[in-house]
Amino acid sequence: MKSLLDCAEEDYTQIAEGLVRWAKGKPVVLLLEGEMGAGKSTFARALLAALGLQQGFQGSPTFAITHTYPIGSGGRSVTHTDLYRIRHEGELEQTGVEELIWSDTTEWALVEWSSLFPDFTSQIHNRLSRRKKVCEVEIRFNSSGKRDVLIREFGT
């Protein structure tokens, strides 16, 4: 686990660029955790920029549930999903989020609030870490008014 202490939102760019280097071109599921307003969607924007998507960030997908961003050619994409409004596992299945994450065309799947669904998160670790890299990024407020960013990397 890596701990980056006293980060400002401006530091997210360097952190995101480091994760892109870590991925080495392999598909990744990135689980974003943190309390409301901690900067999960701001981090997602930084990651999209690190992947070369400079325009078109659609903001937090809290109401849309998922935003999809095409990258490169061949139908590849980055998905950004916010599970905050999903109330139970059955509803999660109905959204189609799982299919997007498992899809071979999804290069990066960013998932906010996965901790609300422990079984789903466990499936990601058990099933995906064999085919895709998995990374957990937790953003916490600290006493200095900045944020601490904790990064756990898994997979091949």
N, C-alpha and C. Protein backbone atom coordinates (compact mmCIF):
# COMPACT_ATOMS: atom_id res chain seq x y z
N MET A 1 0.85 -1.17 0.00
CA MET A 1 0.00 0.00 0.00
C MET A 1 0.90 1.23 0.00
N LYS A 2 0.49 2.21 -0.78
CA LYS A 2 1.18 3.49 -0.80
C LYS A 2 0.29 4.51 -0.10
N SER A 3 0.90 5.35 0.70
CA SER A 3 0.18 6.44 1.36
C SER A 3 0.79 7.75 0.93
N LEU A 4 -0.01 8.61 0.35
CA LEU A 4 0.43 9.94 -0.05
C LEU A 4 -0.30 10.92 0.84
N LEU A 5 0.44 11.59 1.69
CA LEU A 5 -0.16 12.43 2.72
C LEU A 5 -0.16 13.90 2.32
N ASP A 6 -1.12 14.63 2.85
CA ASP A 6 -1.24 16.08 2.63
C ASP A 6 -1.32 16.46 1.16
N CYS A 7 -2.15 15.75 0.42
CA CYS A 7 -2.31 16.02 -1.01
C CYS A 7 -3.37 17.10 -1.22
N ALA A 8 -3.10 17.95 -2.16
CA ALA A 8 -4.11 18.88 -2.64
C ALA A 8 -4.69 18.28 -3.92
N GLU A 9 -5.82 18.77 -4.36
CA GLU A 9 -6.42 18.23 -5.59
C GLU A 9 -5.47 18.38 -6.77
N GLU A 10 -4.60 19.38 -6.73
CA GLU A 10 -3.63 19.58 -7.81
C GLU A 10 -2.65 18.41 -7.91
N ASP A 11 -2.46 17.67 -6.82
CA ASP A 11 -1.55 16.53 -6.81
C ASP A 11 -2.15 15.30 -7.49
N TYR A 12 -3.44 15.31 -7.72
CA TYR A 12 -4.10 14.15 -8.32
C TYR A 12 -3.53 13.83 -9.70
N THR A 13 -3.09 14.85 -10.44
CA THR A 13 -2.55 14.61 -11.78
C THR A 13 -1.34 13.69 -11.72
N GLN A 14 -0.40 13.99 -10.83
CA GLN A 14 0.80 13.15 -10.70
C GLN A 14 0.45 11.75 -10.24
N ILE A 15 -0.48 11.65 -9.31
CA ILE A 15 -0.89 10.34 -8.81
C ILE A 15 -1.53 9.53 -9.94
N ALA A 16 -2.40 10.16 -10.71
CA ALA A 16 -3.07 9.49 -11.83
C ALA A 16 -2.05 9.05 -12.88
N GLU A 17 -1.09 9.90 -13.19
CA GLU A 17 -0.06 9.54 -14.17
C GLU A 17 0.74 8.33 -13.69
N GLY A 18 1.00 8.26 -12.38
CA GLY A 18 1.70 7.11 -11.81
C GLY A 18 0.91 5.83 -11.97
N LEU A 19 -0.41 5.91 -11.80
CA LEU A 19 -1.26 4.72 -11.98
C LEU A 19 -1.28 4.26 -13.43
N VAL A 20 -1.29 5.20 -14.36
CA VAL A 20 -1.26 4.84 -15.78
C VAL A 20 0.05 4.11 -16.10
N ARG A 21 1.16 4.60 -15.55
CA ARG A 21 2.45 3.91 -15.75
C ARG A 21 2.42 2.51 -15.13
N TRP A 22 1.84 2.39 -13.92
CA TRP A 22 1.73 1.11 -13.26
C TRP A 22 0.93 0.10 -14.10
N ALA A 23 -0.10 0.57 -14.77
CA ALA A 23 -0.97 -0.31 -15.56
C ALA A 23 -0.23 -0.94 -16.74
N LYS A 24 0.76 -0.26 -17.26
CA LYS A 24 1.56 -0.77 -18.39
C LYS A 24 0.69 -1.23 -19.55
N GLY A 25 -0.37 -0.48 -19.83
CA GLY A 25 -1.23 -0.80 -20.96
C GLY A 25 -2.23 -1.91 -20.73
N LYS A 26 -2.27 -2.46 -19.54
CA LYS A 26 -3.23 -3.53 -19.25
C LYS A 26 -4.53 -2.92 -18.74
N PRO A 27 -5.66 -3.61 -18.90
CA PRO A 27 -6.93 -3.10 -18.39
C PRO A 27 -6.95 -3.05 -16.87
N VAL A 28 -7.65 -2.06 -16.34
CA VAL A 28 -7.66 -1.81 -14.90
C VAL A 28 -9.07 -1.54 -14.41
N VAL A 29 -9.39 -2.08 -13.23
CA VAL A 29 -10.58 -1.67 -12.49
C VAL A 29 -10.06 -0.86 -11.31
N LEU A 30 -10.50 0.39 -11.23
CA LEU A 30 -10.05 1.30 -10.18
C LEU A 30 -11.23 1.58 -9.26
N LEU A 31 -11.12 1.15 -8.01
CA LEU A 31 -12.17 1.34 -7.02
C LEU A 31 -11.85 2.60 -6.24
N LEU A 32 -12.70 3.61 -6.35
CA LEU A 32 -12.50 4.91 -5.69
C LEU A 32 -13.37 4.99 -4.45
N GLU A 33 -12.74 5.20 -3.31
CA GLU A 33 -13.47 5.30 -2.05
C GLU A 33 -13.15 6.62 -1.37
N GLY A 34 -14.06 7.07 -0.55
CA GLY A 34 -13.88 8.29 0.22
C GLY A 34 -15.24 8.89 0.52
N GLU A 35 -15.28 9.68 1.58
CA GLU A 35 -16.56 10.26 1.94
C GLU A 35 -17.01 11.28 0.89
N MET A 36 -18.25 11.69 1.01
CA MET A 36 -18.83 12.66 0.09
C MET A 36 -17.96 13.91 0.07
N GLY A 37 -17.61 14.35 -1.14
CA GLY A 37 -16.83 15.57 -1.29
C GLY A 37 -15.33 15.40 -1.13
N ALA A 38 -14.86 14.18 -0.97
CA ALA A 38 -13.43 13.94 -0.76
C ALA A 38 -12.61 14.18 -2.03
N GLY A 39 -13.25 14.09 -3.18
CA GLY A 39 -12.53 14.33 -4.43
C GLY A 39 -12.45 13.14 -5.36
N LYS A 40 -13.36 12.18 -5.23
CA LYS A 40 -13.34 10.99 -6.07
C LYS A 40 -13.52 11.35 -7.55
N SER A 41 -14.50 12.17 -7.85
CA SER A 41 -14.74 12.54 -9.25
C SER A 41 -13.64 13.46 -9.78
N THR A 42 -13.07 14.27 -8.91
CA THR A 42 -11.94 15.11 -9.30
C THR A 42 -10.75 14.22 -9.65
N PHE A 43 -10.55 13.17 -8.87
CA PHE A 43 -9.48 12.21 -9.18
C PHE A 43 -9.78 11.52 -10.51
N ALA A 44 -11.03 11.15 -10.74
CA ALA A 44 -11.41 10.51 -12.00
C ALA A 44 -11.08 11.43 -13.18
N ARG A 45 -11.34 12.72 -13.05
CA ARG A 45 -11.02 13.68 -14.11
C ARG A 45 -9.52 13.69 -14.38
N ALA A 46 -8.71 13.67 -13.31
CA ALA A 46 -7.25 13.65 -13.46
C ALA A 46 -6.80 12.37 -14.16
N LEU A 47 -7.44 11.25 -13.84
CA LEU A 47 -7.07 9.99 -14.47
C LEU A 47 -7.42 10.01 -15.96
N LEU A 48 -8.60 10.53 -16.29
CA LEU A 48 -8.98 10.62 -17.69
C LEU A 48 -7.98 11.47 -18.47
N ALA A 49 -7.53 12.56 -17.88
CA ALA A 49 -6.52 13.41 -18.52
C ALA A 49 -5.21 12.64 -18.69
N ALA A 50 -4.82 11.87 -17.68
CA ALA A 50 -3.58 11.08 -17.76
C ALA A 50 -3.67 10.03 -18.86
N LEU A 51 -4.88 9.60 -19.16
CA LEU A 51 -5.09 8.63 -20.24
C LEU A 51 -5.20 9.31 -21.60
N GLY A 52 -5.10 10.63 -21.63
CA GLY A 52 -5.13 11.37 -22.89
C GLY A 52 -6.48 11.93 -23.25
N LEU A 53 -7.46 11.81 -22.37
CA LEU A 53 -8.80 12.36 -22.63
C LEU A 53 -8.87 13.76 -22.02
N GLN A 54 -8.49 14.75 -22.79
CA GLN A 54 -8.39 16.11 -22.26
C GLN A 54 -9.74 16.84 -22.21
N GLN A 55 -10.67 16.42 -23.01
CA GLN A 55 -11.96 17.12 -23.08
C GLN A 55 -13.10 16.15 -22.84
N GLY A 56 -14.22 16.71 -22.51
CA GLY A 56 -15.43 15.92 -22.44
C GLY A 56 -15.76 15.28 -21.11
N PHE A 57 -15.01 15.63 -20.03
CA PHE A 57 -15.35 15.05 -18.73
C PHE A 57 -16.77 15.47 -18.37
N GLN A 58 -17.60 14.50 -18.07
CA GLN A 58 -19.02 14.75 -17.84
C GLN A 58 -19.37 14.96 -16.38
N GLY A 59 -18.37 15.04 -15.51
CA GLY A 59 -18.65 15.23 -14.09
C GLY A 59 -18.98 13.93 -13.41
N SER A 60 -19.42 14.04 -12.19
CA SER A 60 -19.76 12.85 -11.42
C SER A 60 -20.98 12.17 -12.03
N PRO A 61 -20.93 10.85 -12.17
CA PRO A 61 -22.08 10.13 -12.72
C PRO A 61 -23.11 9.73 -11.67
N THR A 62 -23.22 10.51 -10.60
CA THR A 62 -24.12 10.14 -9.51
C THR A 62 -25.54 9.87 -10.01
N PHE A 63 -26.06 10.70 -10.90
CA PHE A 63 -27.43 10.51 -11.36
C PHE A 63 -27.52 9.63 -12.60
N ALA A 64 -26.52 9.70 -13.46
CA ALA A 64 -26.51 8.86 -14.66
C ALA A 64 -26.05 7.44 -14.36
N ILE A 65 -25.44 7.22 -13.22
CA ILE A 65 -24.82 5.98 -12.76
C ILE A 65 -23.49 5.72 -13.48
N THR A 66 -23.47 5.74 -14.81
CA THR A 66 -22.23 5.47 -15.54
C THR A 66 -22.07 6.44 -16.70
N HIS A 67 -20.85 6.94 -16.87
CA HIS A 67 -20.44 7.68 -18.06
C HIS A 67 -19.39 6.83 -18.77
N THR A 68 -19.47 6.80 -20.08
CA THR A 68 -18.51 6.04 -20.88
C THR A 68 -17.77 6.99 -21.80
N TYR A 69 -16.45 6.83 -21.86
CA TYR A 69 -15.59 7.68 -22.68
C TYR A 69 -14.82 6.78 -23.66
N PRO A 70 -15.00 6.98 -24.96
CA PRO A 70 -14.23 6.18 -25.92
C PRO A 70 -12.75 6.59 -25.90
N ILE A 71 -11.88 5.62 -26.02
CA ILE A 71 -10.44 5.91 -26.13
C ILE A 71 -9.85 5.12 -27.28
N GLY A 72 -8.97 5.74 -28.01
CA GLY A 72 -8.30 5.06 -29.11
C GLY A 72 -9.28 4.54 -30.13
N SER A 73 -8.86 3.49 -30.80
CA SER A 73 -9.71 2.88 -31.83
C SER A 73 -10.10 1.48 -31.38
N GLY A 74 -10.96 0.88 -32.11
CA GLY A 74 -11.34 -0.50 -31.81
C GLY A 74 -12.40 -0.65 -30.74
N GLY A 75 -13.14 0.41 -30.46
CA GLY A 75 -14.24 0.31 -29.51
C GLY A 75 -13.83 0.27 -28.06
N ARG A 76 -12.58 0.58 -27.75
CA ARG A 76 -12.11 0.61 -26.37
C ARG A 76 -12.73 1.78 -25.62
N SER A 77 -12.88 1.63 -24.29
CA SER A 77 -13.50 2.72 -23.52
C SER A 77 -13.01 2.75 -22.07
N VAL A 78 -13.30 3.88 -21.46
CA VAL A 78 -13.14 4.07 -20.02
C VAL A 78 -14.54 4.29 -19.48
N THR A 79 -14.90 3.58 -18.41
CA THR A 79 -16.20 3.81 -17.79
C THR A 79 -15.97 4.41 -16.40
N HIS A 80 -16.86 5.32 -16.02
CA HIS A 80 -16.82 5.95 -14.70
C HIS A 80 -18.20 5.75 -14.09
N THR A 81 -18.26 4.96 -13.04
CA THR A 81 -19.52 4.57 -12.43
C THR A 81 -19.57 5.03 -10.98
N ASP A 82 -20.73 5.51 -10.58
CA ASP A 82 -20.96 5.94 -9.19
C ASP A 82 -22.10 5.10 -8.63
N LEU A 83 -21.80 4.28 -7.63
CA LEU A 83 -22.80 3.36 -7.07
C LEU A 83 -23.56 3.94 -5.88
N TYR A 84 -23.35 5.20 -5.57
CA TYR A 84 -23.93 5.79 -4.36
C TYR A 84 -25.45 5.67 -4.31
N ARG A 85 -26.13 5.86 -5.43
CA ARG A 85 -27.60 5.83 -5.44
C ARG A 85 -28.19 4.43 -5.56
N ILE A 86 -27.36 3.43 -5.83
CA ILE A 86 -27.84 2.06 -5.94
C ILE A 86 -28.14 1.54 -4.54
N ARG A 87 -29.31 0.95 -4.35
CA ARG A 87 -29.75 0.58 -3.00
C ARG A 87 -29.49 -0.87 -2.62
N HIS A 88 -29.41 -1.79 -3.61
CA HIS A 88 -29.20 -3.20 -3.26
C HIS A 88 -28.57 -3.93 -4.44
N GLU A 89 -28.08 -5.13 -4.17
CA GLU A 89 -27.37 -5.92 -5.18
C GLU A 89 -28.23 -6.16 -6.43
N GLY A 90 -29.52 -6.42 -6.24
CA GLY A 90 -30.40 -6.64 -7.38
C GLY A 90 -30.45 -5.43 -8.30
N GLU A 91 -30.52 -4.27 -7.72
CA GLU A 91 -30.53 -3.04 -8.51
C GLU A 91 -29.19 -2.86 -9.23
N LEU A 92 -28.12 -3.25 -8.57
CA LEU A 92 -26.80 -3.17 -9.18
C LEU A 92 -26.76 -4.03 -10.44
N GLU A 93 -27.31 -5.22 -10.38
CA GLU A 93 -27.36 -6.10 -11.55
C GLU A 93 -28.15 -5.47 -12.69
N GLN A 94 -29.25 -4.79 -12.37
CA GLN A 94 -30.10 -4.18 -13.40
C GLN A 94 -29.43 -3.03 -14.14
N THR A 95 -28.45 -2.38 -13.53
CA THR A 95 -27.81 -1.23 -14.16
C THR A 95 -26.89 -1.61 -15.31
N GLY A 96 -26.44 -2.85 -15.35
CA GLY A 96 -25.50 -3.28 -16.39
C GLY A 96 -24.05 -2.93 -16.07
N VAL A 97 -23.81 -2.42 -14.87
CA VAL A 97 -22.46 -2.02 -14.48
C VAL A 97 -21.51 -3.21 -14.52
N GLU A 98 -21.97 -4.35 -14.04
CA GLU A 98 -21.10 -5.53 -14.02
C GLU A 98 -20.63 -5.90 -15.41
N GLU A 99 -21.53 -5.87 -16.39
CA GLU A 99 -21.15 -6.22 -17.75
C GLU A 99 -20.10 -5.26 -18.29
N LEU A 100 -20.25 -3.98 -17.97
CA LEU A 100 -19.25 -3.01 -18.42
C LEU A 100 -17.88 -3.30 -17.81
N ILE A 101 -17.86 -3.63 -16.55
CA ILE A 101 -16.58 -3.89 -15.88
C ILE A 101 -15.94 -5.15 -16.42
N TRP A 102 -16.73 -6.20 -16.65
CA TRP A 102 -16.18 -7.48 -17.13
C TRP A 102 -15.80 -7.41 -18.61
N SER A 103 -16.36 -6.45 -19.32
CA SER A 103 -16.17 -6.38 -20.77
C SER A 103 -14.70 -6.27 -21.16
N ASP A 104 -14.36 -6.97 -22.24
CA ASP A 104 -12.99 -6.89 -22.75
C ASP A 104 -12.71 -5.56 -23.44
N THR A 105 -13.76 -4.81 -23.77
CA THR A 105 -13.54 -3.51 -24.43
C THR A 105 -13.36 -2.38 -23.42
N THR A 106 -13.59 -2.65 -22.14
CA THR A 106 -13.39 -1.63 -21.12
C THR A 106 -11.93 -1.66 -20.69
N GLU A 107 -11.18 -0.63 -21.07
CA GLU A 107 -9.76 -0.51 -20.73
C GLU A 107 -9.59 -0.15 -19.26
N TRP A 108 -10.34 0.84 -18.82
CA TRP A 108 -10.33 1.30 -17.43
C TRP A 108 -11.77 1.39 -16.96
N ALA A 109 -12.06 0.82 -15.81
CA ALA A 109 -13.38 0.95 -15.18
C ALA A 109 -13.16 1.63 -13.84
N LEU A 110 -13.64 2.85 -13.71
CA LEU A 110 -13.54 3.60 -12.46
C LEU A 110 -14.86 3.43 -11.73
N VAL A 111 -14.81 2.96 -10.50
CA VAL A 111 -16.03 2.67 -9.74
C VAL A 111 -15.97 3.37 -8.40
N GLU A 112 -16.89 4.32 -8.19
CA GLU A 112 -16.99 5.02 -6.91
C GLU A 112 -17.99 4.28 -6.02
N TRP A 113 -17.70 4.23 -4.74
CA TRP A 113 -18.58 3.67 -3.71
C TRP A 113 -18.77 2.16 -3.82
N SER A 114 -17.79 1.43 -4.32
CA SER A 114 -17.95 -0.03 -4.41
C SER A 114 -18.07 -0.67 -3.04
N SER A 115 -17.55 0.00 -2.00
CA SER A 115 -17.61 -0.57 -0.65
C SER A 115 -19.04 -0.73 -0.14
N LEU A 116 -20.00 -0.09 -0.79
CA LEU A 116 -21.40 -0.28 -0.41
C LEU A 116 -21.89 -1.68 -0.77
N PHE A 117 -21.12 -2.38 -1.62
CA PHE A 117 -21.49 -3.71 -2.09
C PHE A 117 -20.32 -4.67 -1.90
N PRO A 118 -20.12 -5.18 -0.69
CA PRO A 118 -18.96 -6.03 -0.41
C PRO A 118 -18.87 -7.27 -1.30
N ASP A 119 -20.01 -7.90 -1.62
CA ASP A 119 -19.97 -9.08 -2.49
C ASP A 119 -19.48 -8.72 -3.88
N PHE A 120 -19.94 -7.61 -4.39
CA PHE A 120 -19.53 -7.12 -5.70
C PHE A 120 -18.02 -6.81 -5.69
N THR A 121 -17.55 -6.14 -4.65
CA THR A 121 -16.12 -5.81 -4.55
C THR A 121 -15.29 -7.07 -4.45
N SER A 122 -15.77 -8.05 -3.71
CA SER A 122 -15.08 -9.32 -3.59
C SER A 122 -14.98 -10.02 -4.95
N GLN A 123 -16.07 -9.97 -5.72
CA GLN A 123 -16.07 -10.55 -7.07
C GLN A 123 -15.02 -9.88 -7.95
N ILE A 124 -14.91 -8.58 -7.83
CA ILE A 124 -13.92 -7.86 -8.62
C ILE A 124 -12.53 -8.38 -8.30
N HIS A 125 -12.24 -8.51 -7.02
CA HIS A 125 -10.91 -9.00 -6.63
C HIS A 125 -10.69 -10.45 -7.05
N ASN A 126 -11.67 -11.30 -6.84
CA ASN A 126 -11.50 -12.73 -7.13
C ASN A 126 -11.51 -13.04 -8.61
N ARG A 127 -12.40 -12.39 -9.34
CA ARG A 127 -12.58 -12.72 -10.75
C ARG A 127 -11.67 -11.91 -11.65
N LEU A 128 -11.55 -10.64 -11.37
CA LEU A 128 -10.84 -9.78 -12.30
C LEU A 128 -9.34 -9.75 -12.11
N SER A 129 -8.86 -9.93 -10.91
CA SER A 129 -7.43 -9.78 -10.71
C SER A 129 -6.63 -10.79 -11.53
N ARG A 130 -7.31 -11.79 -12.08
CA ARG A 130 -6.63 -12.73 -12.97
C ARG A 130 -6.56 -12.21 -14.40
N ARG A 131 -7.49 -11.34 -14.78
CA ARG A 131 -7.53 -10.83 -16.16
C ARG A 131 -7.17 -9.36 -16.26
N LYS A 132 -7.46 -8.62 -15.21
CA LYS A 132 -7.24 -7.18 -15.21
C LYS A 132 -6.56 -6.79 -13.91
N LYS A 133 -5.90 -5.68 -13.96
CA LYS A 133 -5.33 -5.15 -12.72
C LYS A 133 -6.45 -4.49 -11.92
N VAL A 134 -6.34 -4.54 -10.63
CA VAL A 134 -7.31 -3.91 -9.74
C VAL A 134 -6.54 -2.98 -8.82
N CYS A 135 -7.10 -1.80 -8.63
CA CYS A 135 -6.46 -0.81 -7.77
C CYS A 135 -7.53 -0.14 -6.92
N GLU A 136 -7.26 -0.02 -5.64
CA GLU A 136 -8.15 0.71 -4.75
C GLU A 136 -7.49 2.04 -4.41
N VAL A 137 -8.23 3.12 -4.58
CA VAL A 137 -7.75 4.45 -4.19
C VAL A 137 -8.74 5.00 -3.18
N GLU A 138 -8.25 5.24 -1.98
CA GLU A 138 -9.09 5.80 -0.93
C GLU A 138 -8.61 7.21 -0.63
N ILE A 139 -9.53 8.15 -0.66
CA ILE A 139 -9.21 9.56 -0.41
C ILE A 139 -9.86 9.95 0.91
N ARG A 140 -9.03 10.43 1.83
CA ARG A 140 -9.52 10.81 3.16
C ARG A 140 -9.16 12.26 3.45
N PHE A 141 -10.08 12.96 4.09
CA PHE A 141 -9.75 14.29 4.60
C PHE A 141 -8.80 14.12 5.78
N ASN A 142 -7.86 15.05 5.95
CA ASN A 142 -7.00 15.00 7.12
C ASN A 142 -7.12 16.29 7.92
N SER A 143 -6.44 16.36 9.04
CA SER A 143 -6.59 17.49 9.95
C SER A 143 -6.01 18.80 9.41
N SER A 144 -5.17 18.72 8.38
CA SER A 144 -4.58 19.94 7.80
C SER A 144 -5.49 20.56 6.74
N GLY A 145 -6.64 19.92 6.47
CA GLY A 145 -7.55 20.43 5.46
C GLY A 145 -7.24 19.91 4.07
N LYS A 146 -6.21 19.11 3.96
CA LYS A 146 -5.88 18.48 2.68
C LYS A 146 -6.38 17.04 2.72
N ARG A 147 -5.86 16.23 1.83
CA ARG A 147 -6.33 14.85 1.75
C ARG A 147 -5.16 13.88 1.81
N ASP A 148 -5.42 12.73 2.36
CA ASP A 148 -4.48 11.61 2.30
C ASP A 148 -5.02 10.64 1.26
N VAL A 149 -4.16 10.16 0.39
CA VAL A 149 -4.56 9.23 -0.66
C VAL A 149 -3.85 7.91 -0.41
N LEU A 150 -4.65 6.85 -0.22
CA LEU A 150 -4.12 5.51 0.02
C LEU A 150 -4.35 4.67 -1.22
N ILE A 151 -3.31 4.03 -1.70
CA ILE A 151 -3.39 3.26 -2.96
C ILE A 151 -2.99 1.83 -2.68
N ARG A 152 -3.86 0.88 -3.08
CA ARG A 152 -3.57 -0.55 -2.99
C ARG A 152 -3.69 -1.12 -4.40
N GLU A 153 -2.63 -1.76 -4.87
CA GLU A 153 -2.60 -2.29 -6.23
C GLU A 153 -2.61 -3.83 -6.18
N PHE A 154 -3.39 -4.44 -7.09
CA PHE A 154 -3.53 -5.88 -7.15
C PHE A 154 -3.48 -6.31 -8.60
N GLY A 155 -3.22 -7.58 -8.82
CA GLY A 155 -3.33 -8.15 -10.17
C GLY A 155 -2.00 -8.30 -10.86
N THR A 156 -2.11 -8.76 -12.08
CA THR A 156 -0.93 -9.12 -12.87
C THR A 156 -0.14 -7.91 -13.30
